[in-house]
C-alpha atoms as a PDB file:
ATOM      1  CA  MET A   1      32.731  27.456 -45.143  1.00  0.00           C
ATOM      2  CA  ILE A   2      32.760  31.087 -44.094  1.00  0.00           C
ATOM      3  CA  GLN A   3      35.983  32.215 -42.402  1.00  0.00           C
ATOM      4  CA  VAL A   4      34.570  35.005 -40.236  1.00  0.00           C
ATOM      5  CA  MET A   5      31.183  36.505 -39.320  1.00  0.00           C
ATOM      6  CA  GLU A   6      32.117  39.818 -40.940  1.00  0.00           C
ATOM      7  CA  ALA A   7      31.920  38.126 -44.342  1.00  0.00           C
ATOM      8  CA  TRP A   8      28.148  37.976 -43.860  1.00  0.00           C
ATOM      9  CA  ILE A   9      28.160  41.658 -43.007  1.00  0.00           C
ATOM     10  CA  ILE A  10      30.154  42.838 -46.016  1.00  0.00           C
ATOM     11  CA  ALA A  11      28.138  40.602 -48.336  1.00  0.00           C
ATOM     12  CA  ASP A  12      25.487  43.330 -48.064  1.00  0.00           C
ATOM     13  CA  ALA A  13      27.695  46.348 -48.644  1.00  0.00           C
ATOM     14  CA  ASP A  14      24.681  48.618 -49.202  1.00  0.00           C
ATOM     15  CA  ALA A  15      23.368  47.889 -45.693  1.00  0.00           C
ATOM     16  CA  VAL A  16      26.822  48.531 -44.238  1.00  0.00           C
ATOM     17  CA  ALA A  17      27.073  51.790 -46.189  1.00  0.00           C
ATOM     18  CA  SER A  18      23.674  52.857 -44.878  1.00  0.00           C
ATOM     19  CA  TYR A  19      24.691  52.063 -41.295  1.00  0.00           C
ATOM     20  CA  TYR A  20      27.982  53.998 -41.488  1.00  0.00           C
ATOM     21  CA  GLY A  21      26.727  56.836 -43.669  1.00  0.00           C
ATOM     22  CA  GLN A  22      28.891  59.438 -45.321  1.00  0.00           C
ATOM     23  CA  ARG A  23      32.531  58.730 -46.074  1.00  0.00           C
ATOM     24  CA  PHE A  24      32.002  54.963 -46.066  1.00  0.00           C
ATOM     25  CA  LEU A  25      34.435  53.546 -48.642  1.00  0.00           C
ATOM     26  CA  LYS A  26      32.473  50.742 -50.292  1.00  0.00           C
ATOM     27  CA  SER A  27      35.245  50.153 -52.825  1.00  0.00           C
ATOM     28  CA  ALA A  28      37.556  48.979 -50.011  1.00  0.00           C
ATOM     29  CA  LEU A  29      35.463  45.835 -49.530  1.00  0.00           C
ATOM     30  CA  PRO A  30      36.227  42.615 -51.433  1.00  0.00           C
ATOM     31  CA  ALA A  31      33.728  41.555 -54.082  1.00  0.00           C
ATOM     32  CA  ALA A  32      30.762  39.695 -52.624  1.00  0.00           C
ATOM     33  CA  ALA A  33      30.950  36.903 -55.203  1.00  0.00           C
ATOM     34  CA  ASP A  34      33.446  34.743 -53.277  1.00  0.00           C
ATOM     35  CA  LEU A  35      33.564  35.857 -49.658  1.00  0.00           C
ATOM     36  CA  GLU A  36      33.665  32.318 -48.291  1.00  0.00           C
ATOM     37  CA  GLY A  37      37.257  31.916 -49.431  1.00  0.00           C
ATOM     38  CA  VAL A  38      38.527  35.290 -48.257  1.00  0.00           C
ATOM     39  CA  GLU A  39      40.781  35.003 -45.241  1.00  0.00           C
ATOM     40  CA  LYS A  40      39.866  36.623 -41.937  1.00  0.00           C
ATOM     41  CA  ALA A  41      42.659  39.212 -41.935  1.00  0.00           C
ATOM     42  CA  ARG A  42      41.732  40.493 -45.395  1.00  0.00           C
ATOM     43  CA  ILE A  43      38.067  40.907 -44.454  1.00  0.00           C
ATOM     44  CA  GLU A  44      38.897  42.629 -41.178  1.00  0.00           C
ATOM     45  CA  ASN A  45      41.382  44.984 -42.856  1.00  0.00           C
ATOM     46  CA  ALA A  46      38.943  45.821 -45.640  1.00  0.00           C
ATOM     47  CA  LEU A  47      36.156  46.589 -43.193  1.00  0.00           C
ATOM     48  CA  ALA A  48      38.499  48.751 -41.120  1.00  0.00           C
ATOM     49  CA  ARG A  49      39.573  50.736 -44.212  1.00  0.00           C
ATOM     50  CA  ALA A  50      35.999  51.129 -45.448  1.00  0.00           C
ATOM     51  CA  THR A  51      34.772  52.528 -42.134  1.00  0.00           C
ATOM     52  CA  ALA A  52      37.793  54.463 -40.851  1.00  0.00           C
ATOM     53  CA  LYS A  53      36.695  57.907 -42.035  1.00  0.00           C
ATOM     54  CA  THR A  54      33.013  57.617 -41.166  1.00  0.00           C
ATOM     55  CA  GLN A  55      31.369  59.449 -38.290  1.00  0.00           C
ATOM     56  CA  LYS A  56      31.096  56.155 -36.371  1.00  0.00           C
ATOM     57  CA  LYS A  57      34.798  55.518 -36.992  1.00  0.00           C
ATOM     58  CA  GLU A  58      36.400  52.140 -37.600  1.00  0.00           C
ATOM     59  CA  TYR A  59      34.285  48.994 -37.307  1.00  0.00           C
ATOM     60  CA  ARG A  60      34.284  47.426 -33.836  1.00  0.00           C
ATOM     61  CA  LYS A  61      32.732  43.991 -33.419  1.00  0.00           C
ATOM     62  CA  ILE A  62      31.262  44.579 -29.954  1.00  0.00           C
ATOM     63  CA  ARG A  63      29.823  47.981 -30.824  1.00  0.00           C
ATOM     64  CA  ASP A  64      28.662  47.392 -34.423  1.00  0.00           C
ATOM     65  CA  ALA A  65      28.161  43.717 -35.289  1.00  0.00           C
ATOM     66  CA  ALA A  66      24.725  43.167 -33.748  1.00  0.00           C
ATOM     67  CA  ALA A  67      23.212  46.228 -35.462  1.00  0.00           C
ATOM     68  CA  LEU A  68      24.832  45.316 -38.777  1.00  0.00           C
ATOM     69  CA  LEU A  69      23.637  41.717 -38.633  1.00  0.00           C
ATOM     70  CA  LYS A  70      20.088  42.995 -38.085  1.00  0.00           C
ATOM     71  CA  ALA A  71      20.429  45.359 -41.044  1.00  0.00           C
ATOM     72  CA  ILE A  72      21.801  42.991 -43.680  1.00  0.00           C
ATOM     73  CA  ASP A  73      19.626  41.360 -46.297  1.00  0.00           C
ATOM     74  CA  GLN A  74      19.391  37.746 -45.225  1.00  0.00           C
END
């Protein structure tokens, strides 16, 4: 079972990269092959690192999650 909603988001790293634009650090995200077993803290930290230097700044659930969930490849 998935640990946290953000695992769905980072499963489509290309959509996240498109949303955040330049300076998104895709390599900071865990591999999409086994996201169900990745603990919440690791996913949240990875997403924070990947987005920290973008124009939109660090990922914020309230601000970003709805748009990202619409953008991911379901």
